[in-house]
Amino acid sequence: MGGTKCHRLELQSLSGGNSYSKMVCYVRIDDYLPLRIDYYNQNGVFCKSLYLENIQTIEGVLTPLMMTMRNHLEKTETVMEYRDIIYDVEFDTFFFTERNLKK
């Protein structure tokens, strides 16, 4: 992948209850970070790719700051770009109560 040595992992669904029949992951050899994941629908058709880009170390964690999902069938793409990431944030336990989550 672009000159980066990767493992190619093929994951296949054993049950029919998944959205995708197969995923092919390209994972960097040196740190096991996924760089791309290809998705195949239930008919085995290559339909989407997720690209993890602009990888930086934030608070000691390798973090992709941009993720792009390309739909090859519909010719569309969705881009998520992270600008501020903070790890190990402590939340008050009240934050995750059922009542609070329904708000």
PDB file of N, CA and C in Angstrom:
ATOM      1  N   MET A   1       0.834  -1.179   0.000  1.00  0.00           N
ATOM      2  CA  MET A   1       0.000   0.000   0.000  1.00  0.00           C
ATOM      3  C   MET A   1       0.879   1.242   0.000  1.00  0.00           C
ATOM      4  N   GLY A   2       1.035   1.841  -1.127  1.00  0.00           N
ATOM      5  CA  GLY A   2       1.790   3.073  -1.212  1.00  0.00           C
ATOM      6  C   GLY A   2       3.206   2.955  -0.693  1.00  0.00           C
ATOM      7  N   GLY A   3       3.832   1.808  -0.863  1.00  0.00           N
ATOM      8  CA  GLY A   3       5.187   1.613  -0.384  1.00  0.00           C
ATOM      9  C   GLY A   3       5.289   1.133   1.052  1.00  0.00           C
ATOM     10  N   THR A   4       4.171   1.038   1.753  1.00  0.00           N
ATOM     11  CA  THR A   4       4.157   0.559   3.138  1.00  0.00           C
ATOM     12  C   THR A   4       3.892  -0.938   3.140  1.00  0.00           C
ATOM     13  N   LYS A   5       4.741  -1.696   3.813  1.00  0.00           N
ATOM     14  CA  LYS A   5       4.539  -3.147   3.885  1.00  0.00           C
ATOM     15  C   LYS A   5       3.379  -3.455   4.819  1.00  0.00           C
ATOM     16  N   CYS A   6       2.459  -4.285   4.318  1.00  0.00           N
ATOM     17  CA  CYS A   6       1.243  -4.606   5.071  1.00  0.00           C
ATOM     18  C   CYS A   6       0.961  -6.096   5.057  1.00  0.00           C
ATOM     19  N   HIS A   7       0.305  -6.542   6.118  1.00  0.00           N
ATOM     20  CA  HIS A   7      -0.320  -7.858   6.118  1.00  0.00           C
ATOM     21  C   HIS A   7      -1.670  -7.696   5.429  1.00  0.00           C
ATOM     22  N   ARG A   8      -2.090  -8.719   4.702  1.00  0.00           N
ATOM     23  CA  ARG A   8      -3.420  -8.725   4.093  1.00  0.00           C
ATOM     24  C   ARG A   8      -4.236  -9.778   4.829  1.00  0.00           C
ATOM     25  N   LEU A   9      -5.251  -9.326   5.552  1.00  0.00           N
ATOM     26  CA  LEU A   9      -6.096 -10.231   6.327  1.00  0.00           C
ATOM     27  C   LEU A   9      -7.461 -10.316   5.677  1.00  0.00           C
ATOM     28  N   GLU A  10      -7.924 -11.525   5.431  1.00  0.00           N
ATOM     29  CA  GLU A  10      -9.248 -11.719   4.842  1.00  0.00           C
ATOM     30  C   GLU A  10     -10.164 -12.298   5.907  1.00  0.00           C
ATOM     31  N   LEU A  11     -11.216 -11.575   6.203  1.00  0.00           N
ATOM     32  CA  LEU A  11     -12.179 -11.986   7.225  1.00  0.00           C
ATOM     33  C   LEU A  11     -13.487 -12.339   6.541  1.00  0.00           C
ATOM     34  N   GLN A  12     -13.975 -13.551   6.776  1.00  0.00           N
ATOM     35  CA  GLN A  12     -15.224 -13.978   6.158  1.00  0.00           C
ATOM     36  C   GLN A  12     -16.256 -14.270   7.224  1.00  0.00           C
ATOM     37  N   SER A  13     -17.489 -13.897   6.926  1.00  0.00           N
ATOM     38  CA  SER A  13     -18.598 -14.126   7.841  1.00  0.00           C
ATOM     39  C   SER A  13     -18.954 -15.608   7.855  1.00  0.00           C
ATOM     40  N   LEU A  14     -19.099 -16.166   9.046  1.00  0.00           N
ATOM     41  CA  LEU A  14     -19.508 -17.566   9.162  1.00  0.00           C
ATOM     42  C   LEU A  14     -21.022 -17.700   9.217  1.00  0.00           C
ATOM     43  N   SER A  15     -21.694 -16.611   9.563  1.00  0.00           N
ATOM     44  CA  SER A  15     -23.157 -16.631   9.581  1.00  0.00           C
ATOM     45  C   SER A  15     -23.655 -15.561   8.622  1.00  0.00           C
ATOM     46  N   GLY A  16     -24.863 -15.698   8.164  1.00  0.00           N
ATOM     47  CA  GLY A  16     -25.420 -14.761   7.197  1.00  0.00           C
ATOM     48  C   GLY A  16     -25.963 -13.489   7.808  1.00  0.00           C
ATOM     49  N   GLY A  17     -25.809 -13.296   9.112  1.00  0.00           N
ATOM     50  CA  GLY A  17     -26.414 -12.155   9.777  1.00  0.00           C
ATOM     51  C   GLY A  17     -25.624 -10.865   9.697  1.00  0.00           C
ATOM     52  N   ASN A  18     -24.533 -10.852   8.966  1.00  0.00           N
ATOM     53  CA  ASN A  18     -23.705  -9.654   8.883  1.00  0.00           C
ATOM     54  C   ASN A  18     -24.021  -8.857   7.627  1.00  0.00           C
ATOM     55  N   SER A  19     -23.696  -7.572   7.663  1.00  0.00           N
ATOM     56  CA  SER A  19     -23.922  -6.712   6.499  1.00  0.00           C
ATOM     57  C   SER A  19     -22.989  -7.065   5.348  1.00  0.00           C
ATOM     58  N   TYR A  20     -21.821  -7.591   5.682  1.00  0.00           N
ATOM     59  CA  TYR A  20     -20.825  -7.882   4.656  1.00  0.00           C
ATOM     60  C   TYR A  20     -20.422  -9.349   4.727  1.00  0.00           C
ATOM     61  N   SER A  21     -20.210  -9.953   3.565  1.00  0.00           N
ATOM     62  CA  SER A  21     -19.804 -11.359   3.529  1.00  0.00           C
ATOM     63  C   SER A  21     -18.310 -11.517   3.777  1.00  0.00           C
ATOM     64  N   LYS A  22     -17.560 -10.447   3.445  1.00  0.00           N
ATOM     65  CA  LYS A  22     -16.108 -10.529   3.571  1.00  0.00           C
ATOM     66  C   LYS A  22     -15.544  -9.123   3.746  1.00  0.00           C
ATOM     67  N   MET A  23     -14.451  -9.044   4.528  1.00  0.00           N
ATOM     68  CA  MET A  23     -13.675  -7.812   4.647  1.00  0.00           C
ATOM     69  C   MET A  23     -12.214  -8.175   4.429  1.00  0.00           C
ATOM     70  N   VAL A  24     -11.521  -7.343   3.693  1.00  0.00           N
ATOM     71  CA  VAL A  24     -10.093  -7.529   3.480  1.00  0.00           C
ATOM     72  C   VAL A  24      -9.387  -6.330   4.104  1.00  0.00           C
ATOM     73  N   CYS A  25      -8.545  -6.601   5.108  1.00  0.00           N
ATOM     74  CA  CYS A  25      -7.863  -5.543   5.860  1.00  0.00           C
ATOM     75  C   CYS A  25      -6.388  -5.515   5.480  1.00  0.00           C
ATOM     76  N   TYR A  26      -5.882  -4.321   5.265  1.00  0.00           N
ATOM     77  CA  TYR A  26      -4.461  -4.111   5.014  1.00  0.00           C
ATOM     78  C   TYR A  26      -3.891  -3.445   6.265  1.00  0.00           C
ATOM     79  N   VAL A  27      -3.052  -4.194   6.989  1.00  0.00           N
ATOM     80  CA  VAL A  27      -2.565  -3.791   8.307  1.00  0.00           C
ATOM     81  C   VAL A  27      -1.048  -3.625   8.239  1.00  0.00           C
ATOM     82  N   ARG A  28      -0.562  -2.475   8.683  1.00  0.00           N
ATOM     83  CA  ARG A  28       0.883  -2.228   8.659  1.00  0.00           C
ATOM     84  C   ARG A  28       1.621  -3.288   9.458  1.00  0.00           C
ATOM     85  N   ILE A  29       2.727  -3.752   8.908  1.00  0.00           N
ATOM     86  CA  ILE A  29       3.506  -4.806   9.548  1.00  0.00           C
ATOM     87  C   ILE A  29       4.165  -4.312  10.830  1.00  0.00           C
ATOM     88  N   ASP A  30       4.664  -3.076  10.839  1.00  0.00           N
ATOM     89  CA  ASP A  30       5.463  -2.620  11.980  1.00  0.00           C
ATOM     90  C   ASP A  30       4.651  -2.321  13.233  1.00  0.00           C
ATOM     91  N   ASP A  31       3.392  -1.898  13.097  1.00  0.00           N
ATOM     92  CA  ASP A  31       2.616  -1.540  14.291  1.00  0.00           C
ATOM     93  C   ASP A  31       1.182  -2.080  14.284  1.00  0.00           C
ATOM     94  N   TYR A  32       0.846  -2.879  13.284  1.00  0.00           N
ATOM     95  CA  TYR A  32      -0.467  -3.534  13.174  1.00  0.00           C
ATOM     96  C   TYR A  32      -1.629  -2.546  13.049  1.00  0.00           C
ATOM     97  N   LEU A  33      -1.369  -1.365  12.544  1.00  0.00           N
ATOM     98  CA  LEU A  33      -2.421  -0.372  12.350  1.00  0.00           C
ATOM     99  C   LEU A  33      -3.089  -0.610  11.000  1.00  0.00           C
ATOM    100  N   PRO A  34      -4.416  -0.728  10.962  1.00  0.00           N
ATOM    101  CA  PRO A  34      -5.088  -0.899   9.670  1.00  0.00           C
ATOM    102  C   PRO A  34      -5.007   0.390   8.857  1.00  0.00           C
ATOM    103  N   LEU A  35      -4.703   0.259   7.569  1.00  0.00           N
ATOM    104  CA  LEU A  35      -4.647   1.411   6.672  1.00  0.00           C
ATOM    105  C   LEU A  35      -5.826   1.438   5.718  1.00  0.00           C
ATOM    106  N   ARG A  36      -6.341   0.254   5.388  1.00  0.00           N
ATOM    107  CA  ARG A  36      -7.486   0.174   4.473  1.00  0.00           C
ATOM    108  C   ARG A  36      -8.265  -1.096   4.772  1.00  0.00           C
ATOM    109  N   ILE A  37      -9.575  -0.988   4.649  1.00  0.00           N
ATOM    110  CA  ILE A  37     -10.447  -2.157   4.792  1.00  0.00           C
ATOM    111  C   ILE A  37     -11.397  -2.156   3.607  1.00  0.00           C
ATOM    112  N   ASP A  38     -11.413  -3.244   2.846  1.00  0.00           N
ATOM    113  CA  ASP A  38     -12.329  -3.400   1.714  1.00  0.00           C
ATOM    114  C   ASP A  38     -13.495  -4.279   2.148  1.00  0.00           C
ATOM    115  N   TYR A  39     -14.688  -3.884   1.757  1.00  0.00           N
ATOM    116  CA  TYR A  39     -15.915  -4.570   2.161  1.00  0.00           C
ATOM    117  C   TYR A  39     -16.597  -5.182   0.944  1.00  0.00           C
ATOM    118  N   TYR A  40     -17.107  -6.406   1.127  1.00  0.00           N
ATOM    119  CA  TYR A  40     -17.820  -7.128   0.076  1.00  0.00           C
ATOM    120  C   TYR A  40     -19.226  -7.432   0.579  1.00  0.00           C
ATOM    121  N   ASN A  41     -20.236  -7.150  -0.255  1.00  0.00           N
ATOM    122  CA  ASN A  41     -21.622  -7.364   0.186  1.00  0.00           C
ATOM    123  C   ASN A  41     -21.963  -8.853   0.226  1.00  0.00           C
ATOM    124  N   GLN A  42     -23.198  -9.167   0.565  1.00  0.00           N
ATOM    125  CA  GLN A  42     -23.626 -10.565   0.716  1.00  0.00           C
ATOM    126  C   GLN A  42     -23.537 -11.355  -0.588  1.00  0.00           C
ATOM    127  N   ASN A  43     -23.504 -10.656  -1.725  1.00  0.00           N
ATOM    128  CA  ASN A  43     -23.351 -11.332  -3.016  1.00  0.00           C
ATOM    129  C   ASN A  43     -21.886 -11.458  -3.429  1.00  0.00           C
ATOM    130  N   GLY A  44     -20.969 -11.042  -2.549  1.00  0.00           N
ATOM    131  CA  GLY A  44     -19.546 -11.132  -2.844  1.00  0.00           C
ATOM    132  C   GLY A  44     -19.021 -10.001  -3.707  1.00  0.00           C
ATOM    133  N   VAL A  45     -19.820  -8.947  -3.893  1.00  0.00           N
ATOM    134  CA  VAL A  45     -19.421  -7.820  -4.734  1.00  0.00           C
ATOM    135  C   VAL A  45     -18.644  -6.800  -3.896  1.00  0.00           C
ATOM    136  N   PHE A  46     -17.483  -6.398  -4.400  1.00  0.00           N
ATOM    137  CA  PHE A  46     -16.667  -5.369  -3.753  1.00  0.00           C
ATOM    138  C   PHE A  46     -17.461  -4.068  -3.765  1.00  0.00           C
ATOM    139  N   CYS A  47     -17.782  -3.540  -2.578  1.00  0.00           N
ATOM    140  CA  CYS A  47     -18.691  -2.391  -2.547  1.00  0.00           C
ATOM    141  C   CYS A  47     -18.133  -1.156  -1.862  1.00  0.00           C
ATOM    142  N   LYS A  48     -17.298  -1.308  -0.846  1.00  0.00           N
ATOM    143  CA  LYS A  48     -16.819  -0.141  -0.104  1.00  0.00           C
ATOM    144  C   LYS A  48     -15.363  -0.321   0.308  1.00  0.00           C
ATOM    145  N   SER A  49     -14.711   0.821   0.553  1.00  0.00           N
ATOM    146  CA  SER A  49     -13.361   0.819   1.120  1.00  0.00           C
ATOM    147  C   SER A  49     -13.287   1.896   2.188  1.00  0.00           C
ATOM    148  N   LEU A  50     -12.669   1.553   3.311  1.00  0.00           N
ATOM    149  CA  LEU A  50     -12.400   2.515   4.373  1.00  0.00           C
ATOM    150  C   LEU A  50     -10.899   2.780   4.381  1.00  0.00           C
ATOM    151  N   TYR A  51     -10.522   4.055   4.273  1.00  0.00           N
ATOM    152  CA  TYR A  51      -9.121   4.465   4.290  1.00  0.00           C
ATOM    153  C   TYR A  51      -8.854   5.216   5.585  1.00  0.00           C
ATOM    154  N   LEU A  52      -7.819   4.820   6.309  1.00  0.00           N
ATOM    155  CA  LEU A  52      -7.418   5.492   7.544  1.00  0.00           C
ATOM    156  C   LEU A  52      -6.139   6.256   7.239  1.00  0.00           C
ATOM    157  N   GLU A  53      -6.211   7.594   7.383  1.00  0.00           N
ATOM    158  CA  GLU A  53      -5.128   8.443   6.905  1.00  0.00           C
ATOM    159  C   GLU A  53      -4.720   9.471   7.958  1.00  0.00           C
ATOM    160  N   ASN A  54      -3.665  10.207   7.643  1.00  0.00           N
ATOM    161  CA  ASN A  54      -3.132  11.255   8.518  1.00  0.00           C
ATOM    162  C   ASN A  54      -2.935  10.704   9.933  1.00  0.00           C
ATOM    163  N   ILE A  55      -2.159   9.647  10.023  1.00  0.00           N
ATOM    164  CA  ILE A  55      -1.971   8.940  11.294  1.00  0.00           C
ATOM    165  C   ILE A  55      -0.910   9.657  12.123  1.00  0.00           C
ATOM    166  N   GLN A  56      -1.292   9.998  13.341  1.00  0.00           N
ATOM    167  CA  GLN A  56      -0.389  10.685  14.260  1.00  0.00           C
ATOM    168  C   GLN A  56      -0.459  10.016  15.626  1.00  0.00           C
ATOM    169  N   THR A  57       0.585  10.214  16.408  1.00  0.00           N
ATOM    170  CA  THR A  57       0.589   9.707  17.773  1.00  0.00           C
ATOM    171  C   THR A  57       0.061  10.804  18.685  1.00  0.00           C
ATOM    172  N   ILE A  58      -1.051  10.514  19.356  1.00  0.00           N
ATOM    173  CA  ILE A  58      -1.671  11.458  20.283  1.00  0.00           C
ATOM    174  C   ILE A  58      -1.730  10.784  21.643  1.00  0.00           C
ATOM    175  N   GLU A  59      -1.089  11.398  22.609  1.00  0.00           N
ATOM    176  CA  GLU A  59      -1.028  10.853  23.971  1.00  0.00           C
ATOM    177  C   GLU A  59      -0.554   9.396  23.964  1.00  0.00           C
ATOM    178  N   GLY A  60       0.382   9.091  23.066  1.00  0.00           N
ATOM    179  CA  GLY A  60       0.954   7.757  22.984  1.00  0.00           C
ATOM    180  C   GLY A  60       0.132   6.756  22.195  1.00  0.00           C
ATOM    181  N   VAL A  61      -0.964   7.203  21.577  1.00  0.00           N
ATOM    182  CA  VAL A  61      -1.855   6.306  20.835  1.00  0.00           C
ATOM    183  C   VAL A  61      -1.808   6.658  19.349  1.00  0.00           C
ATOM    184  N   LEU A  62      -1.488   5.670  18.497  1.00  0.00           N
ATOM    185  CA  LEU A  62      -1.557   5.899  17.053  1.00  0.00           C
ATOM    186  C   LEU A  62      -3.008   6.171  16.679  1.00  0.00           C
ATOM    187  N   THR A  63      -3.243   7.300  16.026  1.00  0.00           N
ATOM    188  CA  THR A  63      -4.605   7.756  15.787  1.00  0.00           C
ATOM    189  C   THR A  63      -4.756   8.243  14.351  1.00  0.00           C
ATOM    190  N   PRO A  64      -5.669   7.642  13.570  1.00  0.00           N
ATOM    191  CA  PRO A  64      -5.954   8.197  12.243  1.00  0.00           C
ATOM    192  C   PRO A  64      -6.837   9.439  12.408  1.00  0.00           C
ATOM    193  N   LEU A  65      -6.353  10.571  11.918  1.00  0.00           N
ATOM    194  CA  LEU A  65      -7.118  11.812  12.055  1.00  0.00           C
ATOM    195  C   LEU A  65      -8.112  12.005  10.918  1.00  0.00           C
ATOM    196  N   MET A  66      -8.004  11.167   9.882  1.00  0.00           N
ATOM    197  CA  MET A  66      -8.981  11.222   8.800  1.00  0.00           C
ATOM    198  C   MET A  66      -9.367   9.807   8.396  1.00  0.00           C
ATOM    199  N   MET A  67     -10.667   9.593   8.260  1.00  0.00           N
ATOM    200  CA  MET A  67     -11.183   8.315   7.777  1.00  0.00           C
ATOM    201  C   MET A  67     -12.119   8.601   6.613  1.00  0.00           C
ATOM    202  N   THR A  68     -11.884   7.921   5.503  1.00  0.00           N
ATOM    203  CA  THR A  68     -12.699   8.115   4.309  1.00  0.00           C
ATOM    204  C   THR A  68     -13.330   6.786   3.930  1.00  0.00           C
ATOM    205  N   MET A  69     -14.655   6.767   3.847  1.00  0.00           N
ATOM    206  CA  MET A  69     -15.384   5.578   3.394  1.00  0.00           C
ATOM    207  C   MET A  69     -15.864   5.853   1.974  1.00  0.00           C
ATOM    208  N   ARG A  70     -15.398   5.034   1.032  1.00  0.00           N
ATOM    209  CA  ARG A  70     -15.805   5.186  -0.366  1.00  0.00           C
ATOM    210  C   ARG A  70     -16.758   4.065  -0.732  1.00  0.00           C
ATOM    211  N   ASN A  71     -17.911   4.448  -1.255  1.00  0.00           N
ATOM    212  CA  ASN A  71     -18.887   3.491  -1.749  1.00  0.00           C
ATOM    213  C   ASN A  71     -18.657   3.372  -3.253  1.00  0.00           C
ATOM    214  N   HIS A  72     -18.123   2.237  -3.687  1.00  0.00           N
ATOM    215  CA  HIS A  72     -17.762   2.048  -5.086  1.00  0.00           C
ATOM    216  C   HIS A  72     -18.977   1.780  -5.966  1.00  0.00           C
ATOM    217  N   LEU A  73     -20.072   1.338  -5.381  1.00  0.00           N
ATOM    218  CA  LEU A  73     -21.278   1.070  -6.158  1.00  0.00           C
ATOM    219  C   LEU A  73     -22.068   2.349  -6.418  1.00  0.00           C
ATOM    220  N   GLU A  74     -22.172   3.197  -5.408  1.00  0.00           N
ATOM    221  CA  GLU A  74     -22.942   4.437  -5.544  1.00  0.00           C
ATOM    222  C   GLU A  74     -22.079   5.625  -5.941  1.00  0.00           C
ATOM    223  N   LYS A  75     -20.761   5.410  -6.010  1.00  0.00           N
ATOM    224  CA  LYS A  75     -19.810   6.470  -6.371  1.00  0.00           C
ATOM    225  C   LYS A  75     -19.906   7.660  -5.415  1.00  0.00           C
ATOM    226  N   THR A  76     -19.953   7.370  -4.108  1.00  0.00           N
ATOM    227  CA  THR A  76     -20.008   8.418  -3.091  1.00  0.00           C
ATOM    228  C   THR A  76     -18.897   8.179  -2.079  1.00  0.00           C
ATOM    229  N   GLU A  77     -18.645   9.196  -1.261  1.00  0.00           N
ATOM    230  CA  GLU A  77     -17.694   9.021  -0.174  1.00  0.00           C
ATOM    231  C   GLU A  77     -18.087   9.897   1.005  1.00  0.00           C
ATOM    232  N   THR A  78     -17.724   9.415   2.189  1.00  0.00           N
ATOM    233  CA  THR A  78     -17.938  10.140   3.434  1.00  0.00           C
ATOM    234  C   THR A  78     -16.584  10.297   4.104  1.00  0.00           C
ATOM    235  N   VAL A  79     -16.280  11.525   4.529  1.00  0.00           N
ATOM    236  CA  VAL A  79     -14.999  11.808   5.168  1.00  0.00           C
ATOM    237  C   VAL A  79     -15.254  12.276   6.592  1.00  0.00           C
ATOM    238  N   MET A  80     -14.564  11.645   7.537  1.00  0.00           N
ATOM    239  CA  MET A  80     -14.586  12.091   8.933  1.00  0.00           C
ATOM    240  C   MET A  80     -13.184  12.558   9.271  1.00  0.00           C
ATOM    241  N   GLU A  81     -13.094  13.797   9.732  1.00  0.00           N
ATOM    242  CA  GLU A  81     -11.799  14.354  10.103  1.00  0.00           C
ATOM    243  C   GLU A  81     -11.856  14.796  11.556  1.00  0.00           C
ATOM    244  N   TYR A  82     -10.899  14.319  12.330  1.00  0.00           N
ATOM    245  CA  TYR A  82     -10.831  14.654  13.748  1.00  0.00           C
ATOM    246  C   TYR A  82      -9.841  15.796  13.942  1.00  0.00           C
ATOM    247  N   ARG A  83     -10.233  16.783  14.735  1.00  0.00           N
ATOM    248  CA  ARG A  83      -9.356  17.932  14.978  1.00  0.00           C
ATOM    249  C   ARG A  83      -8.829  17.953  16.399  1.00  0.00           C
ATOM    250  N   ASP A  84      -9.649  17.552  17.348  1.00  0.00           N
ATOM    251  CA  ASP A  84      -9.247  17.552  18.755  1.00  0.00           C
ATOM    252  C   ASP A  84      -9.586  16.201  19.364  1.00  0.00           C
ATOM    253  N   ILE A  85      -8.576  15.484  19.803  1.00  0.00           N
ATOM    254  CA  ILE A  85      -8.788  14.184  20.429  1.00  0.00           C
ATOM    255  C   ILE A  85      -8.099  14.194  21.784  1.00  0.00           C
ATOM    256  N   ILE A  86      -8.827  13.762  22.795  1.00  0.00           N
ATOM    257  CA  ILE A  86      -8.276  13.636  24.140  1.00  0.00           C
ATOM    258  C   ILE A  86      -8.599  12.227  24.621  1.00  0.00           C
ATOM    259  N   TYR A  87      -7.578  11.497  25.047  1.00  0.00           N
ATOM    260  CA  TYR A  87      -7.778  10.150  25.566  1.00  0.00           C
ATOM    261  C   TYR A  87      -7.847  10.172  27.087  1.00  0.00           C
ATOM    262  N   ASP A  88      -8.354   9.089  27.650  1.00  0.00           N
ATOM    263  CA  ASP A  88      -8.438   8.883  29.102  1.00  0.00           C
ATOM    264  C   ASP A  88      -9.202   9.997  29.812  1.00  0.00           C
ATOM    265  N   VAL A  89     -10.320  10.398  29.217  1.00  0.00           N
ATOM    266  CA  VAL A  89     -11.180  11.408  29.833  1.00  0.00           C
ATOM    267  C   VAL A  89     -12.052  10.721  30.873  1.00  0.00           C
ATOM    268  N   GLU A  90     -12.156  11.310  32.043  1.00  0.00           N
ATOM    269  CA  GLU A  90     -13.002  10.739  33.093  1.00  0.00           C
ATOM    270  C   GLU A  90     -14.373  11.405  33.057  1.00  0.00           C
ATOM    271  N   PHE A  91     -15.411  10.583  33.069  1.00  0.00           N
ATOM    272  CA  PHE A  91     -16.787  11.060  33.083  1.00  0.00           C
ATOM    273  C   PHE A  91     -17.426  10.688  34.412  1.00  0.00           C
ATOM    274  N   ASP A  92     -18.306  11.524  34.871  1.00  0.00           N
ATOM    275  CA  ASP A  92     -19.112  11.210  36.047  1.00  0.00           C
ATOM    276  C   ASP A  92     -20.000  10.023  35.682  1.00  0.00           C
ATOM    277  N   THR A  93     -20.177   9.072  36.580  1.00  0.00           N
ATOM    278  CA  THR A  93     -20.993   7.885  36.289  1.00  0.00           C
ATOM    279  C   THR A  93     -22.425   8.262  35.938  1.00  0.00           C
ATOM    280  N   PHE A  94     -22.911   9.406  36.398  1.00  0.00           N
ATOM    281  CA  PHE A  94     -24.252   9.875  36.056  1.00  0.00           C
ATOM    282  C   PHE A  94     -24.399  10.079  34.548  1.00  0.00           C
ATOM    283  N   PHE A  95     -23.310  10.389  33.893  1.00  0.00           N
ATOM    284  CA  PHE A  95     -23.319  10.666  32.459  1.00  0.00           C
ATOM    285  C   PHE A  95     -23.870   9.490  31.659  1.00  0.00           C
ATOM    286  N   PHE A  96     -23.653   8.265  32.124  1.00  0.00           N
ATOM    287  CA  PHE A  96     -24.041   7.073  31.378  1.00  0.00           C
ATOM    288  C   PHE A  96     -25.263   6.361  31.951  1.00  0.00           C
ATOM    289  N   THR A  97     -26.067   7.020  32.750  1.00  0.00           N
ATOM    290  CA  THR A  97     -27.293   6.389  33.237  1.00  0.00           C
ATOM    291  C   THR A  97     -28.287   6.287  32.090  1.00  0.00           C
ATOM    292  N   GLU A  98     -29.185   5.322  32.175  1.00  0.00           N
ATOM    293  CA  GLU A  98     -30.179   5.135  31.118  1.00  0.00           C
ATOM    294  C   GLU A  98     -31.004   6.403  30.916  1.00  0.00           C
ATOM    295  N   ARG A  99     -31.382   7.025  32.006  1.00  0.00           N
ATOM    296  CA  ARG A  99     -32.195   8.244  31.910  1.00  0.00           C
ATOM    297  C   ARG A  99     -31.432   9.364  31.187  1.00  0.00           C
ATOM    298  N   ASN A 100     -30.191   9.544  31.523  1.00  0.00           N
ATOM    299  CA  ASN A 100     -29.398  10.603  30.903  1.00  0.00           C
ATOM    300  C   ASN A 100     -29.129  10.313  29.429  1.00  0.00           C
ATOM    301  N   LEU A 101     -28.938   9.054  29.074  1.00  0.00           N
ATOM    302  CA  LEU A 101     -28.672   8.695  27.680  1.00  0.00           C
ATOM    303  C   LEU A 101     -29.898   8.881  26.794  1.00  0.00           C
ATOM    304  N   LYS A 102     -31.091   8.853  27.378  1.00  0.00           N
ATOM    305  CA  LYS A 102     -32.317   9.044  26.598  1.00  0.00           C
ATOM    306  C   LYS A 102     -32.587  10.509  26.277  1.00  0.00           C
ATOM    307  N   LYS A 103     -31.870  11.414  26.926  1.00  0.00           N
ATOM    308  CA  LYS A 103     -32.087  12.850  26.689  1.00  0.00           C
ATOM    309  C   LYS A 103     -31.704  13.254  25.294  1.00  0.00           C
TER     310      LYS A 103
END
